[in-house]
Amino acid sequence: MFRDTEAFSGFAVDDLAKARDFYGETLGLRIGDVEPMPGLLTLHLGSGQRVLVYEKPDFTPATYTVLNFVVSDVGAAVTELSARGVGLERYPGFPQDDDAVMRGNGPDIAWFTDPAGNVLSVVQQAP
C-alpha cells in the first residue's frame, strides 16, 4: 500500500527558534518553514529527504536517537562539532574513546543532543 509513497519523519522540540538556529546555523542544514503552518520547520537532508520538526508544549526529549548523520570520518565530525560548541554524550557501559566515539562495536558512532535534548548521532559511513 505505501511501498511507492513518499514519506518523511518528524520529531518534536520545545523551542522552534532554538531548533532553527541549531540545525541551520550550528549544523549547517538547509531549513525551511512549512507554509502556511506556523510552528513547523523542515530540515532538508543531503540525501534529498526531509524531516519535520515541530514545537510541542508538553515536550519531553526522546530517549533514543532521532536522527543519524552518516559521515566519512567520525573523528573529523566530532572535532567539528566540538569546535561549534556542541558537546558529545557519554553513555555508561558504552566503550567510548577520549573523543566520545564508540569504535569497534559496529560502525564508529558518537552521540550529541540538540538544544531540546533530542539525541542525534554521527555514524561512520560503511567502507
PDB file of N, CA and C in Angstrom:
ATOM      1  N   MET A   1       0.812  -1.198   0.000  1.00  0.00           N
ATOM      2  CA  MET A   1       0.000   0.000   0.000  1.00  0.00           C
ATOM      3  C   MET A   1       0.860   1.268   0.000  1.00  0.00           C
ATOM      4  N   PHE A   2       1.934   1.314   0.791  1.00  0.00           N
ATOM      5  CA  PHE A   2       2.752   2.521   0.885  1.00  0.00           C
ATOM      6  C   PHE A   2       4.129   2.377   0.254  1.00  0.00           C
ATOM      7  N   ARG A   3       4.406   1.270  -0.421  1.00  0.00           N
ATOM      8  CA  ARG A   3       5.744   0.990  -0.946  1.00  0.00           C
ATOM      9  C   ARG A   3       6.285   2.126  -1.801  1.00  0.00           C
ATOM     10  N   ASP A   4       5.493   2.731  -2.638  1.00  0.00           N
ATOM     11  CA  ASP A   4       5.956   3.774  -3.549  1.00  0.00           C
ATOM     12  C   ASP A   4       5.528   5.174  -3.132  1.00  0.00           C
ATOM     13  N   THR A   5       5.076   5.300  -1.907  1.00  0.00           N
ATOM     14  CA  THR A   5       4.629   6.588  -1.401  1.00  0.00           C
ATOM     15  C   THR A   5       5.798   7.342  -0.774  1.00  0.00           C
ATOM     16  N   GLU A   6       5.917   8.617  -1.076  1.00  0.00           N
ATOM     17  CA  GLU A   6       6.943   9.431  -0.435  1.00  0.00           C
ATOM     18  C   GLU A   6       6.588   9.578   1.035  1.00  0.00           C
ATOM     19  N   ALA A   7       7.588   9.438   1.896  1.00  0.00           N
ATOM     20  CA  ALA A   7       7.357   9.552   3.338  1.00  0.00           C
ATOM     21  C   ALA A   7       8.435  10.432   3.953  1.00  0.00           C
ATOM     22  N   PHE A   8       8.153  10.929   5.126  1.00  0.00           N
ATOM     23  CA  PHE A   8       9.140  11.692   5.885  1.00  0.00           C
ATOM     24  C   PHE A   8       8.868  11.463   7.353  1.00  0.00           C
ATOM     25  N   SER A   9       9.880  11.680   8.167  1.00  0.00           N
ATOM     26  CA  SER A   9       9.697  11.519   9.607  1.00  0.00           C
ATOM     27  C   SER A   9       9.710  12.893  10.264  1.00  0.00           C
ATOM     28  N   GLY A  10       9.454  12.894  11.551  1.00  0.00           N
ATOM     29  CA  GLY A  10       9.460  14.143  12.289  1.00  0.00           C
ATOM     30  C   GLY A  10       9.686  13.897  13.760  1.00  0.00           C
ATOM     31  N   PHE A  11      10.046  14.957  14.453  1.00  0.00           N
ATOM     32  CA  PHE A  11      10.204  14.894  15.901  1.00  0.00           C
ATOM     33  C   PHE A  11       9.922  16.260  16.497  1.00  0.00           C
ATOM     34  N   ALA A  12       9.681  16.264  17.791  1.00  0.00           N
ATOM     35  CA  ALA A  12       9.291  17.485  18.495  1.00  0.00           C
ATOM     36  C   ALA A  12      10.481  18.143  19.178  1.00  0.00           C
ATOM     37  N   VAL A  13      10.338  19.440  19.417  1.00  0.00           N
ATOM     38  CA  VAL A  13      11.267  20.237  20.208  1.00  0.00           C
ATOM     39  C   VAL A  13      10.439  21.148  21.110  1.00  0.00           C
ATOM     40  N   ASP A  14      11.107  21.760  22.069  1.00  0.00           N
ATOM     41  CA  ASP A  14      10.391  22.675  22.954  1.00  0.00           C
ATOM     42  C   ASP A  14      10.474  24.124  22.510  1.00  0.00           C
ATOM     43  N   ASP A  15      11.405  24.459  21.611  1.00  0.00           N
ATOM     44  CA  ASP A  15      11.608  25.840  21.183  1.00  0.00           C
ATOM     45  C   ASP A  15      12.040  25.829  19.719  1.00  0.00           C
ATOM     46  N   LEU A  16      11.146  26.193  18.825  1.00  0.00           N
ATOM     47  CA  LEU A  16      11.424  26.134  17.397  1.00  0.00           C
ATOM     48  C   LEU A  16      12.514  27.123  16.984  1.00  0.00           C
ATOM     49  N   ALA A  17      12.588  28.282  17.621  1.00  0.00           N
ATOM     50  CA  ALA A  17      13.628  29.256  17.280  1.00  0.00           C
ATOM     51  C   ALA A  17      15.016  28.699  17.592  1.00  0.00           C
ATOM     52  N   LYS A  18      15.169  28.047  18.735  1.00  0.00           N
ATOM     53  CA  LYS A  18      16.453  27.429  19.080  1.00  0.00           C
ATOM     54  C   LYS A  18      16.774  26.295  18.112  1.00  0.00           C
ATOM     55  N   ALA A  19      15.766  25.517  17.747  1.00  0.00           N
ATOM     56  CA  ALA A  19      15.971  24.426  16.793  1.00  0.00           C
ATOM     57  C   ALA A  19      16.406  24.975  15.435  1.00  0.00           C
ATOM     58  N   ARG A  20      15.765  26.049  14.996  1.00  0.00           N
ATOM     59  CA  ARG A  20      16.116  26.670  13.716  1.00  0.00           C
ATOM     60  C   ARG A  20      17.580  27.106  13.717  1.00  0.00           C
ATOM     61  N   ASP A  21      18.019  27.721  14.791  1.00  0.00           N
ATOM     62  CA  ASP A  21      19.400  28.178  14.888  1.00  0.00           C
ATOM     63  C   ASP A  21      20.368  26.993  14.925  1.00  0.00           C
ATOM     64  N   PHE A  22      20.060  25.988  15.735  1.00  0.00           N
ATOM     65  CA  PHE A  22      20.951  24.841  15.879  1.00  0.00           C
ATOM     66  C   PHE A  22      21.080  24.061  14.564  1.00  0.00           C
ATOM     67  N   TYR A  23      19.956  23.695  13.974  1.00  0.00           N
ATOM     68  CA  TYR A  23      20.011  22.876  12.769  1.00  0.00           C
ATOM     69  C   TYR A  23      20.495  23.681  11.560  1.00  0.00           C
ATOM     70  N   GLY A  24      20.112  24.945  11.475  1.00  0.00           N
ATOM     71  CA  GLY A  24      20.520  25.774  10.337  1.00  0.00           C
ATOM     72  C   GLY A  24      21.908  26.352  10.471  1.00  0.00           C
ATOM     73  N   GLU A  25      22.204  26.963  11.609  1.00  0.00           N
ATOM     74  CA  GLU A  25      23.494  27.634  11.797  1.00  0.00           C
ATOM     75  C   GLU A  25      24.572  26.691  12.310  1.00  0.00           C
ATOM     76  N   THR A  26      24.313  26.010  13.417  1.00  0.00           N
ATOM     77  CA  THR A  26      25.337  25.158  14.024  1.00  0.00           C
ATOM     78  C   THR A  26      25.659  23.954  13.147  1.00  0.00           C
ATOM     79  N   LEU A  27      24.626  23.235  12.689  1.00  0.00           N
ATOM     80  CA  LEU A  27      24.861  22.042  11.879  1.00  0.00           C
ATOM     81  C   LEU A  27      24.948  22.336  10.381  1.00  0.00           C
ATOM     82  N   GLY A  28      24.468  23.499   9.965  1.00  0.00           N
ATOM     83  CA  GLY A  28      24.581  23.888   8.566  1.00  0.00           C
ATOM     84  C   GLY A  28      23.608  23.210   7.616  1.00  0.00           C
ATOM     85  N   LEU A  29      22.486  22.716   8.140  1.00  0.00           N
ATOM     86  CA  LEU A  29      21.476  22.101   7.270  1.00  0.00           C
ATOM     87  C   LEU A  29      20.649  23.173   6.570  1.00  0.00           C
ATOM     88  N   ARG A  30      20.136  22.837   5.404  1.00  0.00           N
ATOM     89  CA  ARG A  30      19.153  23.715   4.772  1.00  0.00           C
ATOM     90  C   ARG A  30      17.852  23.515   5.525  1.00  0.00           C
ATOM     91  N   ILE A  31      17.227  24.604   5.882  1.00  0.00           N
ATOM     92  CA  ILE A  31      15.975  24.532   6.624  1.00  0.00           C
ATOM     93  C   ILE A  31      14.927  25.377   5.925  1.00  0.00           C
ATOM     94  N   GLY A  32      13.677  25.094   6.215  1.00  0.00           N
ATOM     95  CA  GLY A  32      12.595  25.878   5.642  1.00  0.00           C
ATOM     96  C   GLY A  32      11.368  25.815   6.522  1.00  0.00           C
ATOM     97  N   ASP A  33      10.552  26.830   6.397  1.00  0.00           N
ATOM     98  CA  ASP A  33       9.285  26.858   7.111  1.00  0.00           C
ATOM     99  C   ASP A  33       8.252  26.076   6.322  1.00  0.00           C
ATOM    100  N   VAL A  34       7.287  25.545   7.020  1.00  0.00           N
ATOM    101  CA  VAL A  34       6.175  24.863   6.374  1.00  0.00           C
ATOM    102  C   VAL A  34       5.049  25.883   6.275  1.00  0.00           C
ATOM    103  N   GLU A  35       4.813  26.361   5.075  1.00  0.00           N
ATOM    104  CA  GLU A  35       3.778  27.369   4.860  1.00  0.00           C
ATOM    105  C   GLU A  35       2.450  26.673   4.605  1.00  0.00           C
ATOM    106  N   PRO A  36       1.366  27.169   5.030  1.00  0.00           N
ATOM    107  CA  PRO A  36       1.168  28.354   5.863  1.00  0.00           C
ATOM    108  C   PRO A  36       1.020  27.986   7.338  1.00  0.00           C
ATOM    109  N   MET A  37       1.723  26.981   7.793  1.00  0.00           N
ATOM    110  CA  MET A  37       1.526  26.470   9.146  1.00  0.00           C
ATOM    111  C   MET A  37       2.666  26.904  10.060  1.00  0.00           C
ATOM    112  N   PRO A  38       2.430  27.907  10.908  1.00  0.00           N
ATOM    113  CA  PRO A  38       3.479  28.328  11.835  1.00  0.00           C
ATOM    114  C   PRO A  38       3.769  27.220  12.850  1.00  0.00           C
ATOM    115  N   GLY A  39       4.974  27.221  13.364  1.00  0.00           N
ATOM    116  CA  GLY A  39       5.335  26.222  14.357  1.00  0.00           C
ATOM    117  C   GLY A  39       5.864  24.935  13.761  1.00  0.00           C
ATOM    118  N   LEU A  40       6.139  24.940  12.456  1.00  0.00           N
ATOM    119  CA  LEU A  40       6.706  23.774  11.793  1.00  0.00           C
ATOM    120  C   LEU A  40       7.960  24.178  11.023  1.00  0.00           C
ATOM    121  N   LEU A  41       8.949  23.325  11.049  1.00  0.00           N
ATOM    122  CA  LEU A  41      10.221  23.574  10.392  1.00  0.00           C
ATOM    123  C   LEU A  41      10.590  22.314   9.621  1.00  0.00           C
ATOM    124  N   THR A  42      11.142  22.462   8.429  1.00  0.00           N
ATOM    125  CA  THR A  42      11.598  21.322   7.655  1.00  0.00           C
ATOM    126  C   THR A  42      13.115  21.343   7.573  1.00  0.00           C
ATOM    127  N   LEU A  43      13.737  20.201   7.887  1.00  0.00           N
ATOM    128  CA  LEU A  43      15.169  20.010   7.692  1.00  0.00           C
ATOM    129  C   LEU A  43      15.333  19.308   6.349  1.00  0.00           C
ATOM    130  N   HIS A  44      16.144  19.867   5.478  1.00  0.00           N
ATOM    131  CA  HIS A  44      16.415  19.266   4.179  1.00  0.00           C
ATOM    132  C   HIS A  44      17.764  18.559   4.275  1.00  0.00           C
ATOM    133  N   LEU A  45      17.744  17.244   4.203  1.00  0.00           N
ATOM    134  CA  LEU A  45      18.954  16.449   4.380  1.00  0.00           C
ATOM    135  C   LEU A  45      19.680  16.248   3.057  1.00  0.00           C
ATOM    136  N   GLY A  46      20.966  15.970   3.136  1.00  0.00           N
ATOM    137  CA  GLY A  46      21.782  15.775   1.946  1.00  0.00           C
ATOM    138  C   GLY A  46      21.318  14.631   1.069  1.00  0.00           C
ATOM    139  N   SER A  47      20.607  13.686   1.639  1.00  0.00           N
ATOM    140  CA  SER A  47      20.079  12.541   0.887  1.00  0.00           C
ATOM    141  C   SER A  47      18.880  12.917   0.029  1.00  0.00           C
ATOM    142  N   GLY A  48      18.408  14.146   0.198  1.00  0.00           N
ATOM    143  CA  GLY A  48      17.202  14.564  -0.508  1.00  0.00           C
ATOM    144  C   GLY A  48      15.947  14.386   0.325  1.00  0.00           C
ATOM    145  N   GLN A  49      16.076  13.697   1.427  1.00  0.00           N
ATOM    146  CA  GLN A  49      14.934  13.501   2.317  1.00  0.00           C
ATOM    147  C   GLN A  49      14.725  14.744   3.175  1.00  0.00           C
ATOM    148  N   ARG A  50      13.591  14.791   3.815  1.00  0.00           N
ATOM    149  CA  ARG A  50      13.315  15.909   4.725  1.00  0.00           C
ATOM    150  C   ARG A  50      12.747  15.364   6.027  1.00  0.00           C
ATOM    151  N   VAL A  51      12.914  16.162   7.063  1.00  0.00           N
ATOM    152  CA  VAL A  51      12.426  15.809   8.392  1.00  0.00           C
ATOM    153  C   VAL A  51      11.635  16.993   8.915  1.00  0.00           C
ATOM    154  N   LEU A  52      10.474  16.725   9.450  1.00  0.00           N
ATOM    155  CA  LEU A  52       9.628  17.761  10.025  1.00  0.00           C
ATOM    156  C   LEU A  52       9.980  17.937  11.502  1.00  0.00           C
ATOM    157  N   VAL A  53      10.182  19.170  11.916  1.00  0.00           N
ATOM    158  CA  VAL A  53      10.435  19.490  13.322  1.00  0.00           C
ATOM    159  C   VAL A  53       9.299  20.393  13.763  1.00  0.00           C
ATOM    160  N   TYR A  54       8.696  20.046  14.896  1.00  0.00           N
ATOM    161  CA  TYR A  54       7.552  20.817  15.356  1.00  0.00           C
ATOM    162  C   TYR A  54       7.682  21.104  16.846  1.00  0.00           C
ATOM    163  N   GLU A  55       7.122  22.234  17.240  1.00  0.00           N
ATOM    164  CA  GLU A  55       7.131  22.635  18.641  1.00  0.00           C
ATOM    165  C   GLU A  55       5.957  21.969  19.353  1.00  0.00           C
ATOM    166  N   LYS A  56       6.247  21.434  20.529  1.00  0.00           N
ATOM    167  CA  LYS A  56       5.219  20.743  21.300  1.00  0.00           C
ATOM    168  C   LYS A  56       5.233  21.313  22.721  1.00  0.00           C
ATOM    169  N   PRO A  57       4.122  21.839  23.197  1.00  0.00           N
ATOM    170  CA  PRO A  57       4.089  22.497  24.511  1.00  0.00           C
ATOM    171  C   PRO A  57       4.500  21.602  25.682  1.00  0.00           C
ATOM    172  N   ASP A  58       4.063  20.373  25.691  1.00  0.00           N
ATOM    173  CA  ASP A  58       4.390  19.486  26.810  1.00  0.00           C
ATOM    174  C   ASP A  58       5.531  18.542  26.430  1.00  0.00           C
ATOM    175  N   PHE A  59       6.499  19.079  25.714  1.00  0.00           N
ATOM    176  CA  PHE A  59       7.610  18.321  25.147  1.00  0.00           C
ATOM    177  C   PHE A  59       8.454  17.612  26.199  1.00  0.00           C
ATOM    178  N   THR A  60       8.843  16.397  25.886  1.00  0.00           N
ATOM    179  CA  THR A  60       9.834  15.632  26.632  1.00  0.00           C
ATOM    180  C   THR A  60      10.821  15.095  25.603  1.00  0.00           C
ATOM    181  N   PRO A  61      12.138  15.288  25.807  1.00  0.00           N
ATOM    182  CA  PRO A  61      13.107  14.814  24.807  1.00  0.00           C
ATOM    183  C   PRO A  61      13.029  13.304  24.593  1.00  0.00           C
ATOM    184  N   ALA A  62      13.299  12.905  23.373  1.00  0.00           N
ATOM    185  CA  ALA A  62      13.368  11.473  23.055  1.00  0.00           C
ATOM    186  C   ALA A  62      14.555  10.864  23.794  1.00  0.00           C
ATOM    187  N   THR A  63      14.409   9.647  24.239  1.00  0.00           N
ATOM    188  CA  THR A  63      15.486   8.955  24.952  1.00  0.00           C
ATOM    189  C   THR A  63      16.249   8.023  24.008  1.00  0.00           C
ATOM    190  N   TYR A  64      16.029   8.164  22.736  1.00  0.00           N
ATOM    191  CA  TYR A  64      16.675   7.353  21.709  1.00  0.00           C
ATOM    192  C   TYR A  64      17.144   8.300  20.610  1.00  0.00           C
ATOM    193  N   THR A  65      17.949   7.803  19.697  1.00  0.00           N
ATOM    194  CA  THR A  65      18.476   8.625  18.610  1.00  0.00           C
ATOM    195  C   THR A  65      17.374   8.905  17.589  1.00  0.00           C
ATOM    196  N   VAL A  66      17.102  10.199  17.366  1.00  0.00           N
ATOM    197  CA  VAL A  66      16.042  10.571  16.426  1.00  0.00           C
ATOM    198  C   VAL A  66      16.578  10.847  15.023  1.00  0.00           C
ATOM    199  N   LEU A  67      17.879  11.122  14.896  1.00  0.00           N
ATOM    200  CA  LEU A  67      18.437  11.465  13.596  1.00  0.00           C
ATOM    201  C   LEU A  67      19.912  11.079  13.583  1.00  0.00           C
ATOM    202  N   ASN A  68      20.319  10.324  12.558  1.00  0.00           N
ATOM    203  CA  ASN A  68      21.698   9.874  12.392  1.00  0.00           C
ATOM    204  C   ASN A  68      22.284  10.533  11.151  1.00  0.00           C
ATOM    205  N   PHE A  69      23.449  11.127  11.288  1.00  0.00           N
ATOM    206  CA  PHE A  69      24.146  11.734  10.164  1.00  0.00           C
ATOM    207  C   PHE A  69      25.292  10.815   9.766  1.00  0.00           C
ATOM    208  N   VAL A  70      25.239  10.275   8.561  1.00  0.00           N
ATOM    209  CA  VAL A  70      26.296   9.404   8.066  1.00  0.00           C
ATOM    210  C   VAL A  70      27.431  10.294   7.550  1.00  0.00           C
ATOM    211  N   VAL A  71      28.638  10.048   8.067  1.00  0.00           N
ATOM    212  CA  VAL A  71      29.809  10.855   7.711  1.00  0.00           C
ATOM    213  C   VAL A  71      30.942   9.944   7.269  1.00  0.00           C
ATOM    214  N   SER A  72      31.876  10.497   6.519  1.00  0.00           N
ATOM    215  CA  SER A  72      33.010   9.696   6.050  1.00  0.00           C
ATOM    216  C   SER A  72      34.069   9.539   7.127  1.00  0.00           C
ATOM    217  N   ASP A  73      34.093  10.452   8.113  1.00  0.00           N
ATOM    218  CA  ASP A  73      35.105  10.404   9.167  1.00  0.00           C
ATOM    219  C   ASP A  73      34.485  10.891  10.480  1.00  0.00           C
ATOM    220  N   VAL A  74      34.148   9.956  11.357  1.00  0.00           N
ATOM    221  CA  VAL A  74      33.510  10.321  12.623  1.00  0.00           C
ATOM    222  C   VAL A  74      34.419  11.213  13.460  1.00  0.00           C
ATOM    223  N   GLY A  75      35.715  10.920  13.489  1.00  0.00           N
ATOM    224  CA  GLY A  75      36.653  11.735  14.264  1.00  0.00           C
ATOM    225  C   GLY A  75      36.642  13.188  13.819  1.00  0.00           C
ATOM    226  N   ALA A  76      36.662  13.414  12.506  1.00  0.00           N
ATOM    227  CA  ALA A  76      36.623  14.782  11.975  1.00  0.00           C
ATOM    228  C   ALA A  76      35.288  15.449  12.296  1.00  0.00           C
ATOM    229  N   ALA A  77      34.201  14.691  12.213  1.00  0.00           N
ATOM    230  CA  ALA A  77      32.879  15.247  12.529  1.00  0.00           C
ATOM    231  C   ALA A  77      32.804  15.655  13.994  1.00  0.00           C
ATOM    232  N   VAL A  78      33.347  14.818  14.879  1.00  0.00           N
ATOM    233  CA  VAL A  78      33.354  15.125  16.313  1.00  0.00           C
ATOM    234  C   VAL A  78      34.188  16.370  16.590  1.00  0.00           C
ATOM    235  N   THR A  79      35.324  16.483  15.924  1.00  0.00           N
ATOM    236  CA  THR A  79      36.173  17.670  16.081  1.00  0.00           C
ATOM    237  C   THR A  79      35.422  18.925  15.643  1.00  0.00           C
ATOM    238  N   GLU A  80      34.728  18.846  14.513  1.00  0.00           N
ATOM    239  CA  GLU A  80      33.962  19.998  14.004  1.00  0.00           C
ATOM    240  C   GLU A  80      32.798  20.337  14.925  1.00  0.00           C
ATOM    241  N   LEU A  81      32.096  19.336  15.406  1.00  0.00           N
ATOM    242  CA  LEU A  81      31.001  19.592  16.346  1.00  0.00           C
ATOM    243  C   LEU A  81      31.518  20.290  17.591  1.00  0.00           C
ATOM    244  N   SER A  82      32.618  19.805  18.134  1.00  0.00           N
ATOM    245  CA  SER A  82      33.203  20.419  19.332  1.00  0.00           C
ATOM    246  C   SER A  82      33.612  21.862  19.066  1.00  0.00           C
ATOM    247  N   ALA A  83      34.186  22.115  17.887  1.00  0.00           N
ATOM    248  CA  ALA A  83      34.589  23.477  17.524  1.00  0.00           C
ATOM    249  C   ALA A  83      33.383  24.406  17.428  1.00  0.00           C
ATOM    250  N   ARG A  84      32.225  23.857  17.121  1.00  0.00           N
ATOM    251  CA  ARG A  84      30.999  24.652  17.016  1.00  0.00           C
ATOM    252  C   ARG A  84      30.242  24.719  18.337  1.00  0.00           C
ATOM    253  N   GLY A  85      30.863  24.200  19.401  1.00  0.00           N
ATOM    254  CA  GLY A  85      30.271  24.297  20.728  1.00  0.00           C
ATOM    255  C   GLY A  85      29.288  23.193  21.074  1.00  0.00           C
ATOM    256  N   VAL A  86      29.261  22.133  20.283  1.00  0.00           N
ATOM    257  CA  VAL A  86      28.348  21.023  20.537  1.00  0.00           C
ATOM    258  C   VAL A  86      29.064  19.995  21.414  1.00  0.00           C
ATOM    259  N   GLY A  87      28.469  19.672  22.552  1.00  0.00           N
ATOM    260  CA  GLY A  87      29.035  18.672  23.447  1.00  0.00           C
ATOM    261  C   GLY A  87      28.642  17.274  23.011  1.00  0.00           C
ATOM    262  N   LEU A  88      29.521  16.320  23.263  1.00  0.00           N
ATOM    263  CA  LEU A  88      29.262  14.927  22.918  1.00  0.00           C
ATOM    264  C   LEU A  88      28.752  14.193  24.144  1.00  0.00           C
ATOM    265  N   GLU A  89      27.884  13.234  23.923  1.00  0.00           N
ATOM    266  CA  GLU A  89      27.291  12.450  25.011  1.00  0.00           C
ATOM    267  C   GLU A  89      28.154  11.235  25.328  1.00  0.00           C
ATOM    268  N   ARG A  90      28.173  10.881  26.582  1.00  0.00           N
ATOM    269  CA  ARG A  90      28.831   9.648  27.032  1.00  0.00           C
ATOM    270  C   ARG A  90      27.779   8.804  27.735  1.00  0.00           C
ATOM    271  N   TYR A  91      27.792   7.519  27.420  1.00  0.00           N
ATOM    272  CA  TYR A  91      26.810   6.619  27.988  1.00  0.00           C
ATOM    273  C   TYR A  91      27.505   5.532  28.789  1.00  0.00           C
ATOM    274  N   PRO A  92      27.098   5.331  30.045  1.00  0.00           N
ATOM    275  CA  PRO A  92      27.691   4.273  30.871  1.00  0.00           C
ATOM    276  C   PRO A  92      27.565   2.912  30.185  1.00  0.00           C
ATOM    277  N   GLY A  93      28.646   2.160  30.224  1.00  0.00           N
ATOM    278  CA  GLY A  93      28.632   0.832  29.632  1.00  0.00           C
ATOM    279  C   GLY A  93      28.970   0.795  28.152  1.00  0.00           C
ATOM    280  N   PHE A  94      29.077   1.956  27.524  1.00  0.00           N
ATOM    281  CA  PHE A  94      29.457   2.009  26.115  1.00  0.00           C
ATOM    282  C   PHE A  94      30.954   2.301  26.050  1.00  0.00           C
ATOM    283  N   PRO A  95      31.715   1.517  25.301  1.00  0.00           N
ATOM    284  CA  PRO A  95      33.163   1.723  25.213  1.00  0.00           C
ATOM    285  C   PRO A  95      33.517   2.898  24.297  1.00  0.00           C
ATOM    286  N   GLN A  96      33.472   4.098  24.845  1.00  0.00           N
ATOM    287  CA  GLN A  96      33.762   5.303  24.065  1.00  0.00           C
ATOM    288  C   GLN A  96      35.181   5.778  24.353  1.00  0.00           C
ATOM    289  N   ASP A  97      35.864   6.271  23.326  1.00  0.00           N
ATOM    290  CA  ASP A  97      37.235   6.746  23.485  1.00  0.00           C
ATOM    291  C   ASP A  97      37.253   8.157  24.080  1.00  0.00           C
ATOM    292  N   ASP A  98      38.428   8.763  24.124  1.00  0.00           N
ATOM    293  CA  ASP A  98      38.570  10.099  24.728  1.00  0.00           C
ATOM    294  C   ASP A  98      37.747  11.161  24.008  1.00  0.00           C
ATOM    295  N   ASP A  99      37.425  10.917  22.737  1.00  0.00           N
ATOM    296  CA  ASP A  99      36.623  11.867  21.962  1.00  0.00           C
ATOM    297  C   ASP A  99      35.134  11.526  21.998  1.00  0.00           C
ATOM    298  N   ALA A 100      34.742  10.573  22.842  1.00  0.00           N
ATOM    299  CA  ALA A 100      33.353  10.126  22.999  1.00  0.00           C
ATOM    300  C   ALA A 100      32.850   9.309  21.820  1.00  0.00           C
ATOM    301  N   VAL A 101      33.763   8.758  21.025  1.00  0.00           N
ATOM    302  CA  VAL A 101      33.395   7.924  19.889  1.00  0.00           C
ATOM    303  C   VAL A 101      33.423   6.461  20.328  1.00  0.00           C
ATOM    304  N   MET A 102      32.378   5.727  20.012  1.00  0.00           N
ATOM    305  CA  MET A 102      32.365   4.292  20.253  1.00  0.00           C
ATOM    306  C   MET A 102      32.882   3.625  18.982  1.00  0.00           C
ATOM    307  N   ARG A 103      33.981   2.906  19.131  1.00  0.00           N
ATOM    308  CA  ARG A 103      34.617   2.249  17.979  1.00  0.00           C
ATOM    309  C   ARG A 103      34.653   0.744  18.211  1.00  0.00           C
ATOM    310  N   GLY A 104      34.548  -0.006  17.126  1.00  0.00           N
ATOM    311  CA  GLY A 104      34.734  -1.442  17.197  1.00  0.00           C
ATOM    312  C   GLY A 104      33.514  -2.257  17.599  1.00  0.00           C
ATOM    313  N   ASN A 105      32.390  -1.617  17.845  1.00  0.00           N
ATOM    314  CA  ASN A 105      31.131  -2.315  18.153  1.00  0.00           C
ATOM    315  C   ASN A 105      30.122  -1.944  17.077  1.00  0.00           C
ATOM    316  N   GLY A 106      30.357  -2.407  15.870  1.00  0.00           N
ATOM    317  CA  GLY A 106      29.554  -1.948  14.744  1.00  0.00           C
ATOM    318  C   GLY A 106      30.233  -0.730  14.156  1.00  0.00           C
ATOM    319  N   PRO A 107      29.488   0.096  13.432  1.00  0.00           N
ATOM    320  CA  PRO A 107      30.117   1.288  12.856  1.00  0.00           C
ATOM    321  C   PRO A 107      30.523   2.266  13.965  1.00  0.00           C
ATOM    322  N   ASP A 108      31.608   3.000  13.734  1.00  0.00           N
ATOM    323  CA  ASP A 108      32.019   4.031  14.686  1.00  0.00           C
ATOM    324  C   ASP A 108      30.903   5.067  14.781  1.00  0.00           C
ATOM    325  N   ILE A 109      30.605   5.488  16.005  1.00  0.00           N
ATOM    326  CA  ILE A 109      29.464   6.380  16.225  1.00  0.00           C
ATOM    327  C   ILE A 109      29.714   7.268  17.437  1.00  0.00           C
ATOM    328  N   ALA A 110      29.195   8.484  17.385  1.00  0.00           N
ATOM    329  CA  ALA A 110      29.224   9.406  18.522  1.00  0.00           C
ATOM    330  C   ALA A 110      27.868  10.091  18.587  1.00  0.00           C
ATOM    331  N   TRP A 111      27.444  10.390  19.804  1.00  0.00           N
ATOM    332  CA  TRP A 111      26.127  10.982  20.016  1.00  0.00           C
ATOM    333  C   TRP A 111      26.241  12.391  20.579  1.00  0.00           C
ATOM    334  N   PHE A 112      25.246  13.215  20.259  1.00  0.00           N
ATOM    335  CA  PHE A 112      25.129  14.566  20.796  1.00  0.00           C
ATOM    336  C   PHE A 112      23.653  14.901  20.857  1.00  0.00           C
ATOM    337  N   THR A 113      23.320  16.023  21.464  1.00  0.00           N
ATOM    338  CA  THR A 113      21.910  16.399  21.567  1.00  0.00           C
ATOM    339  C   THR A 113      21.665  17.767  20.945  1.00  0.00           C
ATOM    340  N   ASP A 114      20.431  17.986  20.538  1.00  0.00           N
ATOM    341  CA  ASP A 114      20.023  19.313  20.080  1.00  0.00           C
ATOM    342  C   ASP A 114      19.650  20.131  21.311  1.00  0.00           C
ATOM    343  N   PRO A 115      19.348  21.420  21.162  1.00  0.00           N
ATOM    344  CA  PRO A 115      19.012  22.246  22.333  1.00  0.00           C
ATOM    345  C   PRO A 115      17.823  21.739  23.136  1.00  0.00           C
ATOM    346  N   ALA A 116      16.947  20.941  22.513  1.00  0.00           N
ATOM    347  CA  ALA A 116      15.785  20.402  23.210  1.00  0.00           C
ATOM    348  C   ALA A 116      16.111  19.118  23.969  1.00  0.00           C
ATOM    349  N   GLY A 117      17.318  18.570  23.747  1.00  0.00           N
ATOM    350  CA  GLY A 117      17.705  17.335  24.416  1.00  0.00           C
ATOM    351  C   GLY A 117      17.481  16.078  23.599  1.00  0.00           C
ATOM    352  N   ASN A 118      17.013  16.212  22.349  1.00  0.00           N
ATOM    353  CA  ASN A 118      16.864  15.049  21.478  1.00  0.00           C
ATOM    354  C   ASN A 118      18.238  14.508  21.105  1.00  0.00           C
ATOM    355  N   VAL A 119      18.364  13.192  21.046  1.00  0.00           N
ATOM    356  CA  VAL A 119      19.646  12.556  20.747  1.00  0.00           C
ATOM    357  C   VAL A 119      19.835  12.429  19.234  1.00  0.00           C
ATOM    358  N   LEU A 120      21.020  12.848  18.776  1.00  0.00           N
ATOM    359  CA  LEU A 120      21.431  12.755  17.374  1.00  0.00           C
ATOM    360  C   LEU A 120      22.750  12.005  17.347  1.00  0.00           C
ATOM    361  N   SER A 121      23.173  11.545  16.177  1.00  0.00           N
ATOM    362  CA  SER A 121      24.478  10.888  16.092  1.00  0.00           C
ATOM    363  C   SER A 121      25.185  11.223  14.788  1.00  0.00           C
ATOM    364  N   VAL A 122      26.488  11.032  14.826  1.00  0.00           N
ATOM    365  CA  VAL A 122      27.305  10.962  13.618  1.00  0.00           C
ATOM    366  C   VAL A 122      27.806   9.530  13.574  1.00  0.00           C
ATOM    367  N   VAL A 123      27.630   8.879  12.448  1.00  0.00           N
ATOM    368  CA  VAL A 123      27.976   7.471  12.311  1.00  0.00           C
ATOM    369  C   VAL A 123      28.843   7.293  11.066  1.00  0.00           C
ATOM    370  N   GLN A 124      29.882   6.480  11.214  1.00  0.00           N
ATOM    371  CA  GLN A 124      30.852   6.254  10.135  1.00  0.00           C
ATOM    372  C   GLN A 124      30.197   5.571   8.946  1.00  0.00           C
ATOM    373  N   GLN A 125      30.447   6.122   7.789  1.00  0.00           N
ATOM    374  CA  GLN A 125      29.952   5.544   6.539  1.00  0.00           C
ATOM    375  C   GLN A 125      30.605   4.182   6.332  1.00  0.00           C
ATOM    376  N   ALA A 126      29.849   3.218   5.872  1.00  0.00           N
ATOM    377  CA  ALA A 126      30.392   1.885   5.586  1.00  0.00           C
ATOM    378  C   ALA A 126      31.426   1.986   4.477  1.00  0.00           C
ATOM    379  N   PRO A 127      32.487   1.177   4.579  1.00  0.00           N
ATOM    380  CA  PRO A 127      33.544   1.239   3.535  1.00  0.00           C
ATOM    381  C   PRO A 127      33.043   0.818   2.173  1.00  0.00           C
TER     382      PRO A 127
END
